[in-house]
């Protein structure tokens, strides 16, 4: 039995939370799973169904938007959070400490003090702060047995010898073309109406504002088209999401769904004619694009970051990339996508990775890093 303790810096329904859940589900029975979050998680039931025990340890999140006093509070609270994590790791007799985000700086220290091996999961491309990137490069090189990167784009920014790329692949039983027809029937959109969609957490860099800029041009070319937007705001961006919702309400045939569950997302993606992924910063990977392709739905996305890798691994023509922040190019590509016959069924395939083997090797190596 390998006791794994995964430290998750937030307790939401966002990308890293869902990625952690998929990881827990994928691990073989030899792993005893523990998840540490800073407060009561909305995914508790899902974590527990995946075989994990949930532990709550207060941790502050870091953000480049923090002011002086927030950073002071983080610095003052950091050693106490590390001490609590160290006690938990020792009490559970953990074999491997796993940190689920580059932006969580607690796990490496707790693992070092408890003398346990540490595996760092890098799921972010750091563009907001050169200082943060330099710190995280140093930390990952010095304080991780292995850094598991969700894409080559993530690994390239770290430039470390201890990185391995393992792509995050959704469950094909959950994301499949067989789910088509249910979403349109539920919301009352005709089966023949061109349907464009976007799904994911609402953040300032996800480009939903660019999509709304593009929408009138799409409607001009495709008068019967509908746009659906699904997802809830990330913590601290509620006002931004509310402003987007108000703007969407002023446009014709735009459906604002809010946050929906995983099954709802799968049914939505399977019913789209095209998924829009117009991020204004590099996507670390772009999991929703992979989910769409697994549902046989083509993707129009930004020519940057992980979306380029997805395009490289997708069937011919399944992913069309456009310049970031270019509403005209986005609109043109969406119009082409909804009107184009699907001569080749959209699909995607990545080389297999064995995260369980990485964790197993770390447990067997034991001890601390350099």
Protein backbone atom coordinates (compact mmCIF):
# COMPACT_ATOMS: atom_id res chain seq x y z
CA UNK A 1 0.00 0.00 0.00
CA UNK A 2 1.30 3.45 -0.98
CA UNK A 3 -0.10 6.31 1.09
CA UNK A 4 -0.46 9.40 -1.09
CA UNK A 5 -1.26 12.85 0.30
CA UNK A 6 -2.33 15.39 -2.35
CA UNK A 7 -2.28 19.04 -1.32
CA UNK A 8 -4.81 21.13 -3.23
CA UNK A 9 -4.49 24.90 -2.63
CA UNK A 10 -8.13 25.75 -3.41
CA UNK A 11 -11.51 24.14 -2.77
CA UNK A 12 -13.58 24.91 -5.85
CA UNK A 13 -14.85 23.16 -8.98
CA UNK A 14 -12.09 24.58 -11.17
CA UNK A 15 -9.62 22.98 -13.52
CA UNK A 16 -7.08 21.87 -10.92
CA UNK A 17 -9.83 20.47 -8.68
CA UNK A 18 -11.27 18.44 -11.55
CA UNK A 19 -7.80 17.33 -12.64
CA UNK A 20 -7.07 16.09 -9.13
CA UNK A 21 -10.35 14.20 -9.12
CA UNK A 22 -9.48 12.49 -12.41
CA UNK A 23 -6.06 11.59 -11.03
CA UNK A 24 -7.58 10.03 -7.92
CA UNK A 25 -9.99 8.01 -10.03
CA UNK A 26 -7.18 6.75 -12.24
CA UNK A 27 -4.91 5.41 -9.50
CA UNK A 28 -4.85 1.66 -8.89
CA UNK A 29 -6.04 0.07 -5.66
CA UNK A 30 -2.52 -0.06 -4.19
CA UNK A 31 -2.79 3.69 -3.43
CA UNK A 32 -4.34 4.94 -0.21
CA UNK A 33 -5.55 8.41 -1.17
CA UNK A 34 -5.67 11.53 1.02
CA UNK A 35 -6.63 15.03 -0.14
CA UNK A 36 -5.84 18.21 1.81
CA UNK A 37 -7.83 21.37 1.03
CA UNK A 38 -8.04 24.78 2.78
CA UNK A 39 -11.79 24.64 3.44
CA UNK A 40 -14.85 22.46 2.90
CA UNK A 41 -14.66 21.37 -0.76
CA UNK A 42 -17.67 21.32 -3.09
CA UNK A 43 -16.20 18.11 -4.55
CA UNK A 44 -16.05 16.23 -1.23
CA UNK A 45 -18.56 13.60 -2.35
CA UNK A 46 -16.66 13.06 -5.60
CA UNK A 47 -13.30 12.83 -3.83
CA UNK A 48 -14.68 10.30 -1.39
CA UNK A 49 -16.33 8.31 -4.18
CA UNK A 50 -12.86 8.12 -5.76
CA UNK A 51 -11.60 6.52 -2.54
CA UNK A 52 -9.96 9.57 -0.97
CA UNK A 53 -10.13 10.79 2.61
CA UNK A 54 -10.55 14.56 2.81
CA UNK A 55 -8.63 16.68 5.35
CA UNK A 56 -9.02 20.41 5.90
CA UNK A 57 -5.93 22.47 6.74
CA UNK A 58 -6.16 26.23 6.50
CA UNK A 59 -3.88 27.54 3.74
CA UNK A 60 -3.85 30.90 2.01
CA UNK A 61 -3.68 31.06 -1.76
CA UNK A 62 -1.12 33.21 -3.54
CA UNK A 63 -2.01 35.63 -6.29
CA UNK A 64 -0.23 38.37 -8.22
CA UNK A 65 -3.27 40.53 -7.46
CA UNK A 66 -2.47 40.46 -3.74
CA UNK A 67 -1.55 43.69 -2.05
CA UNK A 68 1.11 44.25 0.58
CA UNK A 69 -1.04 43.22 3.56
CA UNK A 70 -2.26 40.04 1.84
CA UNK A 71 1.31 38.99 1.14
CA UNK A 72 2.24 39.76 4.75
CA UNK A 73 -0.65 37.59 5.94
CA UNK A 74 0.50 34.79 3.64
CA UNK A 75 4.08 35.00 4.90
CA UNK A 76 3.04 35.08 8.55
CA UNK A 77 0.67 32.13 8.17
CA UNK A 78 2.95 30.01 5.99
CA UNK A 79 5.06 28.34 8.74
CA UNK A 80 1.95 27.47 10.77
CA UNK A 81 0.27 25.86 7.75
CA UNK A 82 3.46 23.93 6.97
CA UNK A 83 3.61 22.71 10.58
CA UNK A 84 0.00 21.51 10.44
CA UNK A 85 0.64 19.72 7.17
CA UNK A 86 3.79 18.12 8.54
CA UNK A 87 1.87 16.77 11.53
CA UNK A 88 -0.83 15.38 9.24
CA UNK A 89 1.74 13.75 6.94
CA UNK A 90 3.45 12.14 9.92
CA UNK A 91 0.19 11.01 11.54
CA UNK A 92 -1.01 9.40 8.31
CA UNK A 93 2.46 7.90 7.72
CA UNK A 94 2.37 9.21 4.16
CA UNK A 95 4.74 7.70 1.59
CA UNK A 96 4.52 10.49 -1.01
CA UNK A 97 3.47 14.14 -0.72
CA UNK A 98 1.88 15.40 -3.95
CA UNK A 99 1.34 19.11 -4.58
CA UNK A 100 -1.40 19.74 -7.14
CA UNK A 101 -0.40 23.22 -8.34
CA UNK A 102 2.73 25.23 -9.07
CA UNK A 103 1.19 28.03 -7.03
CA UNK A 104 0.97 26.00 -3.82
CA UNK A 105 4.16 26.53 -1.82
CA UNK A 106 3.30 24.47 1.27
CA UNK A 107 3.75 20.86 0.20
CA UNK A 108 7.45 20.95 -0.57
CA UNK A 109 8.25 22.33 2.89
CA UNK A 110 5.97 19.92 4.74
CA UNK A 111 7.51 17.01 2.82
CA UNK A 112 11.04 18.18 3.57
CA UNK A 113 10.44 18.62 7.30
CA UNK A 114 8.63 15.25 7.47
CA UNK A 115 11.40 13.68 5.33
CA UNK A 116 9.01 12.37 2.70
CA UNK A 117 9.48 12.40 -1.09
CA UNK A 118 7.66 15.20 -2.86
CA UNK A 119 6.09 15.10 -6.34
CA UNK A 120 5.02 18.46 -7.76
CA UNK A 121 2.23 18.66 -10.33
CA UNK A 122 2.64 21.69 -12.60
CA UNK A 123 -0.65 22.67 -14.21
CA UNK A 124 0.03 26.35 -14.93
CA UNK A 125 1.89 28.55 -17.39
CA UNK A 126 3.19 31.51 -15.39
CA UNK A 127 2.81 34.73 -17.38
CA UNK A 128 1.62 37.13 -14.67
CA UNK A 129 4.93 37.52 -12.84
CA UNK A 130 8.53 36.94 -13.83
CA UNK A 131 9.47 36.85 -10.15
CA UNK A 132 6.92 34.11 -9.41
CA UNK A 133 8.22 32.05 -12.34
CA UNK A 134 11.82 32.33 -11.13
CA UNK A 135 10.80 31.31 -7.61
CA UNK A 136 8.78 28.35 -8.86
CA UNK A 137 11.58 27.22 -11.18
CA UNK A 138 13.96 27.18 -8.22
CA UNK A 139 11.50 25.45 -5.90
CA UNK A 140 10.61 22.72 -8.39
CA UNK A 141 14.26 22.01 -9.20
CA UNK A 142 15.30 21.87 -5.56
CA UNK A 143 12.31 20.43 -3.78
CA UNK A 144 10.67 17.78 -5.97
CA UNK A 145 11.71 14.27 -6.88
CA UNK A 146 9.71 14.72 -10.07
CA UNK A 147 7.70 17.57 -11.58
CA UNK A 148 4.74 16.17 -13.50
CA UNK A 149 3.78 18.66 -16.22
CA UNK A 150 0.37 18.67 -17.88
CA UNK A 151 1.83 19.69 -21.25
CA UNK A 152 5.12 20.32 -23.01
CA UNK A 153 4.35 24.06 -22.86
CA UNK A 154 4.33 23.84 -19.05
CA UNK A 155 7.53 21.79 -18.95
CA UNK A 156 9.38 24.19 -21.25
CA UNK A 157 8.87 27.13 -18.89
CA UNK A 158 10.42 25.20 -15.99
CA UNK A 159 13.45 24.00 -17.92
CA UNK A 160 14.30 21.37 -15.33
CA UNK A 161 15.86 17.93 -15.70
CA UNK A 162 13.33 16.47 -13.26
CA UNK A 163 10.23 17.16 -15.41
CA UNK A 164 8.02 14.58 -17.09
CA UNK A 165 5.05 15.35 -19.35
CA UNK A 166 1.87 13.38 -18.66
CA UNK A 167 -1.21 14.59 -20.51
CA UNK A 168 -4.48 14.72 -18.62
CA UNK A 169 -6.99 12.63 -20.59
CA UNK A 170 -10.69 12.62 -19.64
CA UNK A 171 -12.66 9.44 -19.13
CA UNK A 172 -13.98 8.34 -22.56
CA UNK A 173 -17.06 6.90 -20.90
CA UNK A 174 -17.93 10.39 -19.61
CA UNK A 175 -17.04 12.35 -22.76
CA UNK A 176 -18.44 10.64 -25.84
CA UNK A 177 -20.46 11.46 -28.98
CA UNK A 178 -23.15 9.14 -27.62
CA UNK A 179 -24.32 11.97 -25.34
CA UNK A 180 -25.45 14.08 -28.31
CA UNK A 181 -29.08 15.24 -28.41
CA UNK A 182 -29.74 15.61 -24.70
CA UNK A 183 -28.55 19.17 -24.12
CA UNK A 184 -30.47 20.75 -27.01
CA UNK A 185 -33.65 18.99 -25.95
CA UNK A 186 -33.24 20.24 -22.38
CA UNK A 187 -32.72 23.91 -23.25
CA UNK A 188 -35.04 24.01 -26.26
CA UNK A 189 -32.53 24.64 -29.05
CA UNK A 190 -33.41 23.12 -32.41
CA UNK A 191 -31.36 20.13 -33.53
CA UNK A 192 -30.63 21.97 -36.79
CA UNK A 193 -29.61 25.35 -35.32
CA UNK A 194 -25.88 26.14 -35.52
CA UNK A 195 -24.61 25.94 -31.94
CA UNK A 196 -21.41 27.53 -30.63
CA UNK A 197 -20.32 27.05 -27.03
CA UNK A 198 -17.73 27.88 -24.41
CA UNK A 199 -17.27 26.03 -21.13
CA UNK A 200 -14.96 26.49 -18.17
CA UNK A 201 -14.22 28.67 -15.19
CA UNK A 202 -14.82 32.36 -15.83
CA UNK A 203 -11.58 34.28 -15.49
CA UNK A 204 -10.29 37.47 -17.07
CA UNK A 205 -7.91 35.59 -19.40
CA UNK A 206 -10.37 33.03 -20.73
CA UNK A 207 -11.45 35.36 -23.53
CA UNK A 208 -15.21 35.24 -23.08
CA UNK A 209 -15.24 38.99 -23.69
CA UNK A 210 -13.58 38.37 -27.07
CA UNK A 211 -16.20 35.72 -27.87
CA UNK A 212 -18.99 38.18 -27.07
CA UNK A 213 -17.27 40.74 -29.33
CA UNK A 214 -17.25 38.15 -32.12
CA UNK A 215 -20.84 37.00 -31.67
CA UNK A 216 -22.66 39.76 -33.64
CA UNK A 217 -20.46 38.92 -36.65
CA UNK A 218 -21.33 35.23 -36.30
CA UNK A 219 -25.04 36.08 -36.12
CA UNK A 220 -24.78 38.23 -39.21
CA UNK A 221 -23.43 35.27 -41.19
CA UNK A 222 -25.54 32.61 -39.42
CA UNK A 223 -28.85 34.21 -38.31
CA UNK A 224 -30.13 30.98 -36.71
CA UNK A 225 -27.01 30.39 -34.63
CA UNK A 226 -27.07 30.14 -30.82
CA UNK A 227 -24.26 30.64 -28.31
CA UNK A 228 -24.10 28.89 -24.94
CA UNK A 229 -21.67 29.83 -22.16
CA UNK A 230 -21.23 27.49 -19.19
CA UNK A 231 -19.12 27.97 -16.08
CA UNK A 232 -18.89 29.72 -12.75
CA UNK A 233 -16.42 32.43 -11.73
CA UNK A 234 -13.10 31.74 -10.09
CA UNK A 235 -12.81 33.05 -6.55
CA UNK A 236 -12.46 36.83 -6.55
CA UNK A 237 -13.77 37.30 -10.11
CA UNK A 238 -17.49 37.32 -9.30
CA UNK A 239 -17.95 40.95 -10.39
CA UNK A 240 -16.21 40.25 -13.69
CA UNK A 241 -18.48 37.26 -14.32
CA UNK A 242 -21.57 39.29 -13.45
CA UNK A 243 -20.56 41.97 -15.95
CA UNK A 244 -20.09 39.33 -18.65
CA UNK A 245 -23.50 37.85 -17.88
CA UNK A 246 -25.12 41.28 -18.18
CA UNK A 247 -23.41 41.87 -21.50
CA UNK A 248 -24.42 38.42 -22.78
CA UNK A 249 -28.05 39.17 -21.92
CA UNK A 250 -27.95 42.14 -24.31
CA UNK A 251 -27.00 39.92 -27.27
CA UNK A 252 -29.34 37.81 -29.39
CA UNK A 253 -29.56 34.05 -28.82
CA UNK A 254 -26.89 33.90 -26.12
CA UNK A 255 -27.65 31.42 -23.33
CA UNK A 256 -25.86 31.95 -20.01
CA UNK A 257 -25.91 28.62 -18.15
CA UNK A 258 -23.76 29.34 -15.11
CA UNK A 259 -22.00 26.45 -13.43
CA UNK A 260 -23.07 22.96 -14.51
CA UNK A 261 -21.85 19.53 -13.42
CA UNK A 262 -19.54 17.21 -15.35
CA UNK A 263 -22.37 15.27 -16.96
CA UNK A 264 -23.97 18.53 -18.06
CA UNK A 265 -20.69 19.68 -19.60
CA UNK A 266 -20.32 16.40 -21.50
CA UNK A 267 -23.86 16.65 -22.87
CA UNK A 268 -23.27 20.28 -23.85
CA UNK A 269 -20.01 19.52 -25.66
CA UNK A 270 -21.53 16.60 -27.57
CA UNK A 271 -24.31 18.85 -28.92
CA UNK A 272 -22.12 21.73 -30.09
CA UNK A 273 -21.20 22.38 -33.70
CA UNK A 274 -18.00 24.01 -32.46
CA UNK A 275 -16.33 24.83 -29.14
CA UNK A 276 -14.74 28.27 -28.75
CA UNK A 277 -11.57 28.47 -26.61
CA UNK A 278 -10.47 32.11 -27.14
CA UNK A 279 -8.05 32.49 -24.22
CA UNK A 280 -6.06 35.72 -24.13
CA UNK A 281 -3.13 34.09 -22.29
CA UNK A 282 -1.52 30.72 -23.04
CA UNK A 283 -3.65 27.77 -21.95
CA UNK A 284 -1.48 25.44 -19.88
CA UNK A 285 -3.25 22.58 -21.63
CA UNK A 286 -6.88 23.28 -22.56
CA UNK A 287 -8.71 20.29 -21.15
CA UNK A 288 -12.17 21.40 -22.28
CA UNK A 289 -10.87 21.33 -25.86
CA UNK A 290 -9.81 17.71 -25.37
CA UNK A 291 -13.21 16.90 -23.87
CA UNK A 292 -14.92 18.47 -26.89
CA UNK A 293 -12.80 16.49 -29.34
CA UNK A 294 -13.60 13.28 -27.46
CA UNK A 295 -17.26 14.19 -28.05
CA UNK A 296 -16.44 14.59 -31.80
CA UNK A 297 -16.86 18.38 -31.62
CA UNK A 298 -14.32 20.59 -33.44
CA UNK A 299 -12.53 23.44 -31.67
CA UNK A 300 -11.61 27.01 -32.56
CA UNK A 301 -9.01 28.30 -30.12
CA UNK A 302 -6.13 30.67 -29.56
CA UNK A 303 -2.83 29.93 -31.27
CA UNK A 304 -0.75 29.63 -28.12
CA UNK A 305 0.23 27.32 -25.26
CA UNK A 306 -1.32 23.92 -24.80
CA UNK A 307 -3.92 24.41 -27.53
CA UNK A 308 -1.11 24.11 -30.08
CA UNK A 309 -0.22 20.70 -28.65
CA UNK A 310 -3.85 19.62 -28.77
CA UNK A 311 -4.01 20.66 -32.44
CA UNK A 312 -0.87 18.61 -33.12
CA UNK A 313 -2.46 15.51 -31.58
CA UNK A 314 -5.94 15.97 -33.09
CA UNK A 315 -7.35 14.67 -36.35
CA UNK A 316 -6.82 16.81 -39.44
CA UNK A 317 -8.83 20.04 -39.32
CA UNK A 318 -10.37 19.29 -35.92
CA UNK A 319 -8.70 22.29 -34.24
CA UNK A 320 -8.45 25.69 -35.90
CA UNK A 321 -6.16 28.22 -34.22
CA UNK A 322 -6.59 32.00 -34.45
CA UNK A 323 -4.60 34.97 -33.09
CA UNK A 324 -5.44 35.97 -29.53
CA UNK A 325 -7.78 38.91 -28.92
CA UNK A 326 -8.80 38.94 -32.59
CA UNK A 327 -12.61 38.94 -32.57
CA UNK A 328 -12.84 39.17 -36.36
CA UNK A 329 -10.61 36.12 -36.90
CA UNK A 330 -12.51 34.23 -34.19
CA UNK A 331 -15.87 35.04 -35.78
CA UNK A 332 -14.68 34.00 -39.23
CA UNK A 333 -13.34 30.67 -37.95
CA UNK A 334 -16.53 29.95 -36.00
CA UNK A 335 -18.71 30.67 -39.04
CA UNK A 336 -16.57 28.37 -41.17
CA UNK A 337 -16.70 25.64 -38.52
CA UNK A 338 -20.48 25.61 -38.07
CA UNK A 339 -21.03 25.51 -41.83
CA UNK A 340 -18.37 22.99 -42.78
CA UNK A 341 -19.24 19.33 -43.43
CA UNK A 342 -17.35 16.99 -41.11
CA UNK A 343 -15.44 14.90 -43.62
CA UNK A 344 -13.22 13.57 -40.83
CA UNK A 345 -14.71 12.96 -37.40
CA UNK A 346 -12.90 15.19 -34.85
CA UNK A 347 -10.78 13.19 -32.44
CA UNK A 348 -7.61 13.46 -30.37
CA UNK A 349 -5.03 11.03 -29.02
CA UNK A 350 -2.06 11.56 -26.71
CA UNK A 351 0.86 9.28 -25.86
CA UNK A 352 0.07 7.31 -22.71
CA UNK A 353 1.60 8.36 -19.41
CA UNK A 354 1.86 6.37 -16.21
CA UNK A 355 1.39 8.69 -13.24
CA UNK A 356 1.02 5.72 -10.90
CA UNK A 357 4.51 4.56 -11.89
CA UNK A 358 5.94 8.04 -11.20
CA UNK A 359 4.38 8.09 -7.74
CA UNK A 360 5.43 4.51 -7.08
CA UNK A 361 9.04 5.26 -8.00
CA UNK A 362 9.04 8.34 -5.75
CA UNK A 363 7.72 6.30 -2.83
CA UNK A 364 10.39 3.65 -3.34
CA UNK A 365 13.14 6.28 -3.57
CA UNK A 366 11.98 7.78 -0.26
CA UNK A 367 13.68 10.56 1.66
CA UNK A 368 13.85 14.21 0.69
CA UNK A 369 15.11 16.01 -2.35
CA UNK A 370 18.42 17.80 -2.75
